Amino acid sequence: MRTMKLLFSPIAISLAIFLTQAPAKAHPVEHNGPGYLYHILKQLELSDSQRQDLRLLLKQKHADNATLEQDMHTNREALRILEQSTVWNENDIRSLIAQSLPLRAELMWQNLKIQHQLWLTLDTTQKQSFINKLSEKILPDKPVGRKNNRGRRFEALALTDQQEALLVAQHEIEKANREKNKASHLVFKERMLALISRDELVKSDWLALAQEAKNSQLENAISQAKNKYDFWNMLTPEQQLKMLEIQSLPRKQMSRK
């Protein structure tokens, strides 16, 4: 699952940010919160026509995916209930995550189509720059504890040293797993870039690649769910109530909270 997120989610978010922003002179990048690929898209110097094409693609994608995203939301909420249980039920969690994988694959396919459509509109120089930058870009490790977004989100919980230590330990395990899977991730990324840069994008090719990553996605997601379960059960009842309050907020308000 983490492999997919590294490649797709940031790209989709960055496209949305890039296309909806006013000119940079009026609103500097640092004031607008650049996305993962904002600077790459800016370096491509897309024309007004290219921007407009992408706006239309994103608008259509949002309309087409409304039902799919609702199904994903329902699945995530069901998974959260299991993660915040007093009993670890791996069978039910495994089943829920397995059900989500085809949904994720379809959503990612929509993102992949947008990237491919962008590719087709680029000139030779833009294409080379786009691929080079995507090949170079690797997300840095998130800092541990309260320095990262997750830590700031948990400030209101007034975590104890023991609870903070658990977050740090979980982060270190995730970091070790990323390092262990780094080589396979790079191969996967290269194959994804190959799909993007073809003249014709074939869905069956993507589905075959997604199928290869299915088992690792499943196991990684189960591991992440177990981390959330362990952390939840270290919280006091008061902290759990506060956590539920934070989780009920819209994403932007959650960050401020």
Protein backbone atom coordinates (compact mmCIF):
# COMPACT_ATOMS: atom_id res chain seq x y z
CA MET A 1 0.00 0.00 0.00
CA ARG A 2 2.79 2.38 0.88
CA THR A 3 4.35 1.91 -2.56
CA MET A 4 1.14 2.98 -4.22
CA LYS A 5 0.78 6.04 -2.05
CA LEU A 6 4.27 7.21 -2.81
CA LEU A 7 3.54 7.30 -6.50
CA PHE A 8 -0.12 8.23 -6.81
CA SER A 9 -1.56 10.22 -3.97
CA PRO A 10 1.04 13.02 -4.09
CA ILE A 11 0.68 13.33 -7.85
CA ALA A 12 -3.10 13.63 -7.72
CA ILE A 13 -2.94 16.16 -4.89
CA SER A 14 -0.24 18.18 -6.59
CA LEU A 15 -2.15 18.33 -9.85
CA ALA A 16 -5.17 19.69 -8.03
CA ILE A 17 -3.09 22.30 -6.20
CA PHE A 18 -1.18 23.30 -9.30
CA LEU A 19 -4.23 23.74 -11.49
CA THR A 20 -6.32 25.70 -8.99
CA GLN A 21 -3.63 28.15 -7.90
CA ALA A 22 -3.55 31.75 -8.97
CA PRO A 23 -0.40 33.04 -10.71
CA ALA A 24 2.72 32.62 -8.60
CA LYS A 25 3.43 36.35 -8.48
CA ALA A 26 0.15 36.99 -6.72
CA HIS A 27 0.44 34.01 -4.36
CA PRO A 28 3.99 32.75 -3.78
CA VAL A 29 4.40 29.00 -3.65
CA GLU A 30 5.44 28.99 0.00
CA HIS A 31 2.19 30.70 0.97
CA ASN A 32 0.06 28.18 -0.83
CA GLY A 33 1.59 25.01 0.55
CA PRO A 34 3.18 23.30 -2.50
CA GLY A 35 2.28 19.68 -3.11
CA TYR A 36 4.67 16.85 -3.72
CA LEU A 37 5.02 17.63 -7.45
CA TYR A 38 4.09 21.31 -7.55
CA HIS A 39 7.63 22.43 -8.33
CA ILE A 40 7.96 19.77 -11.03
CA LEU A 41 4.78 20.90 -12.75
CA LYS A 42 5.91 24.50 -12.47
CA GLN A 43 9.23 23.66 -14.12
CA LEU A 44 7.34 22.10 -17.02
CA GLU A 45 5.86 25.53 -17.77
CA LEU A 46 2.51 24.18 -18.86
CA SER A 47 0.59 26.31 -21.29
CA ASP A 48 -2.86 27.69 -20.53
CA SER A 49 -4.29 25.05 -22.85
CA GLN A 50 -2.50 22.23 -20.99
CA ARG A 51 -3.73 23.56 -17.66
CA GLN A 52 -7.29 23.78 -18.93
CA ASP A 53 -7.14 20.21 -20.23
CA LEU A 54 -6.01 18.98 -16.83
CA ARG A 55 -8.72 20.94 -15.04
CA LEU A 56 -11.33 19.20 -17.17
CA LEU A 57 -9.75 15.80 -16.55
CA LEU A 58 -9.74 16.32 -12.78
CA LYS A 59 -13.33 17.55 -12.83
CA GLN A 60 -14.46 14.50 -14.78
CA LYS A 61 -12.43 12.19 -12.53
CA HIS A 62 -14.13 13.61 -9.45
CA ALA A 63 -17.57 13.05 -10.96
CA ASP A 64 -16.77 9.52 -12.12
CA ASN A 65 -15.27 8.47 -8.81
CA ALA A 66 -17.97 9.77 -6.46
CA THR A 67 -19.45 6.31 -5.78
CA LEU A 68 -16.04 4.65 -5.65
CA GLU A 69 -14.74 7.16 -3.12
CA GLN A 70 -17.84 6.71 -0.99
CA ASP A 71 -17.22 2.96 -0.95
CA MET A 72 -13.62 3.60 0.09
CA HIS A 73 -14.80 5.91 2.87
CA THR A 74 -17.21 3.27 4.16
CA ASN A 75 -14.42 0.70 4.12
CA ARG A 76 -12.03 3.00 5.99
CA GLU A 77 -14.61 3.74 8.67
CA ALA A 78 -15.27 0.03 9.18
CA LEU A 79 -11.53 -0.57 9.45
CA ARG A 80 -11.17 2.24 11.97
CA ILE A 81 -13.78 0.64 14.21
CA LEU A 82 -11.75 -2.57 14.24
CA GLU A 83 -8.51 -0.67 14.87
CA GLN A 84 -10.14 1.02 17.85
CA SER A 85 -11.43 -2.16 19.39
CA THR A 86 -10.17 -3.75 22.59
CA VAL A 87 -9.64 -7.06 20.77
CA TRP A 88 -7.31 -7.56 17.80
CA ASN A 89 -9.34 -9.34 15.11
CA GLU A 90 -6.89 -9.93 12.29
CA ASN A 91 -9.24 -12.06 10.19
CA ASP A 92 -11.88 -9.34 9.93
CA ILE A 93 -9.23 -6.69 9.35
CA ARG A 94 -7.58 -8.77 6.63
CA SER A 95 -10.96 -9.27 4.96
CA LEU A 96 -11.78 -5.54 5.00
CA ILE A 97 -8.40 -4.56 3.60
CA ALA A 98 -8.67 -7.22 0.89
CA GLN A 99 -12.03 -5.75 -0.11
CA SER A 100 -10.46 -2.29 -0.38
CA LEU A 101 -7.65 -3.30 -2.74
CA PRO A 102 -9.77 -3.49 -5.94
CA LEU A 103 -11.28 -0.11 -5.03
CA ARG A 104 -7.83 1.36 -4.55
CA ALA A 105 -6.63 -0.13 -7.81
CA GLU A 106 -9.52 1.50 -9.68
CA LEU A 107 -8.94 4.88 -8.03
CA MET A 108 -5.25 4.66 -8.83
CA TRP A 109 -6.08 3.78 -12.41
CA GLN A 110 -7.98 7.07 -12.67
CA ASN A 111 -4.90 8.92 -11.39
CA LEU A 112 -2.71 7.03 -13.81
CA LYS A 113 -4.93 8.07 -16.72
CA ILE A 114 -4.53 11.73 -15.74
CA GLN A 115 -0.76 11.38 -15.61
CA HIS A 116 -0.81 9.71 -19.03
CA GLN A 117 -3.03 12.42 -20.47
CA LEU A 118 -0.60 14.99 -19.11
CA TRP A 119 2.25 13.07 -20.74
CA LEU A 120 0.53 13.16 -24.13
CA THR A 121 0.21 16.96 -24.01
CA LEU A 122 3.89 17.57 -23.22
CA ASP A 123 6.49 18.43 -25.79
CA THR A 124 9.76 16.51 -26.01
CA THR A 125 11.60 18.74 -23.56
CA GLN A 126 8.73 18.67 -21.06
CA LYS A 127 8.49 14.89 -21.28
CA GLN A 128 12.17 14.41 -20.53
CA SER A 129 11.99 16.82 -17.60
CA PHE A 130 8.85 15.18 -16.25
CA ILE A 131 10.32 11.67 -16.30
CA ASN A 132 13.67 12.81 -14.92
CA LYS A 133 12.07 14.60 -12.00
CA LEU A 134 9.70 11.75 -11.23
CA SER A 135 12.63 9.33 -11.28
CA GLU A 136 14.66 11.49 -8.91
CA LYS A 137 11.91 12.37 -6.46
CA ILE A 138 11.79 10.19 -3.35
CA LEU A 139 9.81 11.12 -0.28
CA PRO A 140 12.06 11.74 2.74
CA ASP A 141 11.56 9.84 5.96
CA LYS A 142 9.13 11.57 8.27
CA PRO A 143 10.69 12.87 11.48
CA VAL A 144 9.61 11.09 14.60
CA GLY A 145 7.58 12.21 17.59
CA ARG A 146 5.83 15.56 17.67
CA LYS A 147 7.86 17.07 14.86
CA ASN A 148 5.84 15.45 12.11
CA ASN A 149 2.22 16.01 11.10
CA ARG A 150 1.04 12.99 13.04
CA GLY A 151 2.82 14.26 16.15
CA ARG A 152 1.29 17.73 15.85
CA ARG A 153 -2.13 16.18 15.36
CA PHE A 154 -1.69 14.33 18.64
CA GLU A 155 -0.61 17.40 20.64
CA ALA A 156 -4.10 17.76 22.08
CA LEU A 157 -3.84 14.26 23.52
CA ALA A 158 -1.01 15.25 25.87
CA LEU A 159 0.81 11.99 25.24
CA THR A 160 2.91 10.43 27.97
CA ASP A 161 6.56 9.56 27.44
CA GLN A 162 5.58 5.91 27.06
CA GLN A 163 3.00 6.72 24.40
CA GLU A 164 5.47 8.93 22.56
CA ALA A 165 8.02 6.13 22.73
CA LEU A 166 5.58 3.77 21.07
CA LEU A 167 5.10 6.20 18.17
CA VAL A 168 8.86 6.52 17.78
CA ALA A 169 9.31 2.74 17.84
CA GLN A 170 6.58 2.25 15.24
CA HIS A 171 8.21 4.87 13.05
CA GLU A 172 11.56 3.12 13.26
CA ILE A 173 9.98 -0.19 12.25
CA GLU A 174 8.29 1.47 9.28
CA LYS A 175 11.58 3.11 8.33
CA ALA A 176 13.37 -0.24 8.44
CA ASN A 177 10.67 -1.83 6.29
CA ARG A 178 10.96 0.96 3.72
CA GLU A 179 14.71 0.44 3.55
CA LYS A 180 14.24 -3.31 3.20
CA ASN A 181 11.77 -2.84 0.33
CA LYS A 182 13.61 0.04 -1.32
CA ALA A 183 14.96 -1.99 -4.24
CA SER A 184 11.59 -3.52 -5.11
CA HIS A 185 9.95 -0.12 -4.76
CA LEU A 186 12.37 1.40 -7.27
CA VAL A 187 11.66 -1.40 -9.74
CA PHE A 188 7.94 -0.88 -9.28
CA LYS A 189 8.36 2.85 -9.80
CA GLU A 190 10.30 2.32 -13.02
CA ARG A 191 7.54 0.08 -14.34
CA MET A 192 4.94 2.68 -13.43
CA LEU A 193 6.88 5.38 -15.27
CA ALA A 194 7.06 3.07 -18.27
CA LEU A 195 3.26 2.82 -18.28
CA ILE A 196 2.88 6.59 -18.02
CA SER A 197 5.26 7.29 -20.90
CA ARG A 198 3.69 4.93 -23.43
CA ASP A 199 1.78 6.22 -26.42
CA GLU A 200 -1.17 4.08 -25.35
CA LEU A 201 -2.17 3.28 -21.80
CA VAL A 202 -3.68 -0.20 -21.40
CA LYS A 203 -5.68 -0.94 -18.26
CA SER A 204 -4.85 -4.64 -18.27
CA ASP A 205 -1.14 -3.76 -17.95
CA TRP A 206 -1.88 -1.70 -14.87
CA LEU A 207 -4.09 -4.39 -13.35
CA ALA A 208 -1.35 -6.97 -13.85
CA LEU A 209 1.14 -4.72 -12.07
CA ALA A 210 -1.34 -4.01 -9.27
CA GLN A 211 -1.93 -7.74 -8.87
CA GLU A 212 1.79 -8.31 -8.36
CA ALA A 213 1.80 -5.77 -5.53
CA LYS A 214 -1.39 -7.09 -3.94
CA ASN A 215 0.19 -9.34 -1.31
CA SER A 216 2.68 -6.73 -0.11
CA GLN A 217 -0.11 -4.13 -0.02
CA LEU A 218 -2.21 -6.40 2.13
CA GLU A 219 0.54 -7.24 4.60
CA ASN A 220 1.70 -3.63 4.89
CA ALA A 221 -1.85 -2.46 5.52
CA ILE A 222 -2.37 -5.09 8.21
CA SER A 223 0.87 -4.01 9.87
CA GLN A 224 -0.27 -0.37 9.83
CA ALA A 225 -3.65 -1.35 11.27
CA LYS A 226 -1.89 -3.24 14.08
CA ASN A 227 0.17 -0.15 14.89
CA LYS A 228 -2.98 1.93 15.13
CA TYR A 229 -4.63 -0.71 17.30
CA ASP A 230 -1.64 -0.85 19.66
CA PHE A 231 -1.51 2.93 19.95
CA TRP A 232 -5.26 3.24 20.50
CA ASN A 233 -5.15 0.76 23.34
CA MET A 234 -2.37 2.68 25.05
CA LEU A 235 -4.58 5.78 25.28
CA THR A 236 -6.62 6.57 28.34
CA PRO A 237 -10.44 6.78 27.96
CA GLU A 238 -10.15 10.57 28.01
CA GLN A 239 -7.51 10.52 25.28
CA GLN A 240 -9.61 8.15 23.20
CA LEU A 241 -12.57 10.53 23.38
CA LYS A 242 -10.31 13.39 22.32
CA MET A 243 -8.94 11.28 19.49
CA LEU A 244 -12.46 10.56 18.23
CA GLU A 245 -13.20 14.27 18.35
CA ILE A 246 -10.11 15.05 16.30
CA GLN A 247 -10.90 12.30 13.79
CA SER A 248 -14.40 13.66 13.28
CA LEU A 249 -13.05 17.01 12.10
CA PRO A 250 -12.51 17.81 8.42
CA ARG A 251 -8.88 17.31 7.41
CA LYS A 252 -7.94 21.03 7.41
CA GLN A 253 -9.55 21.63 10.77
CA MET A 254 -7.86 18.49 12.11
CA SER A 255 -4.45 19.93 11.24
CA ARG A 256 -5.23 23.19 13.02
CA LYS A 257 -6.71 21.32 15.97
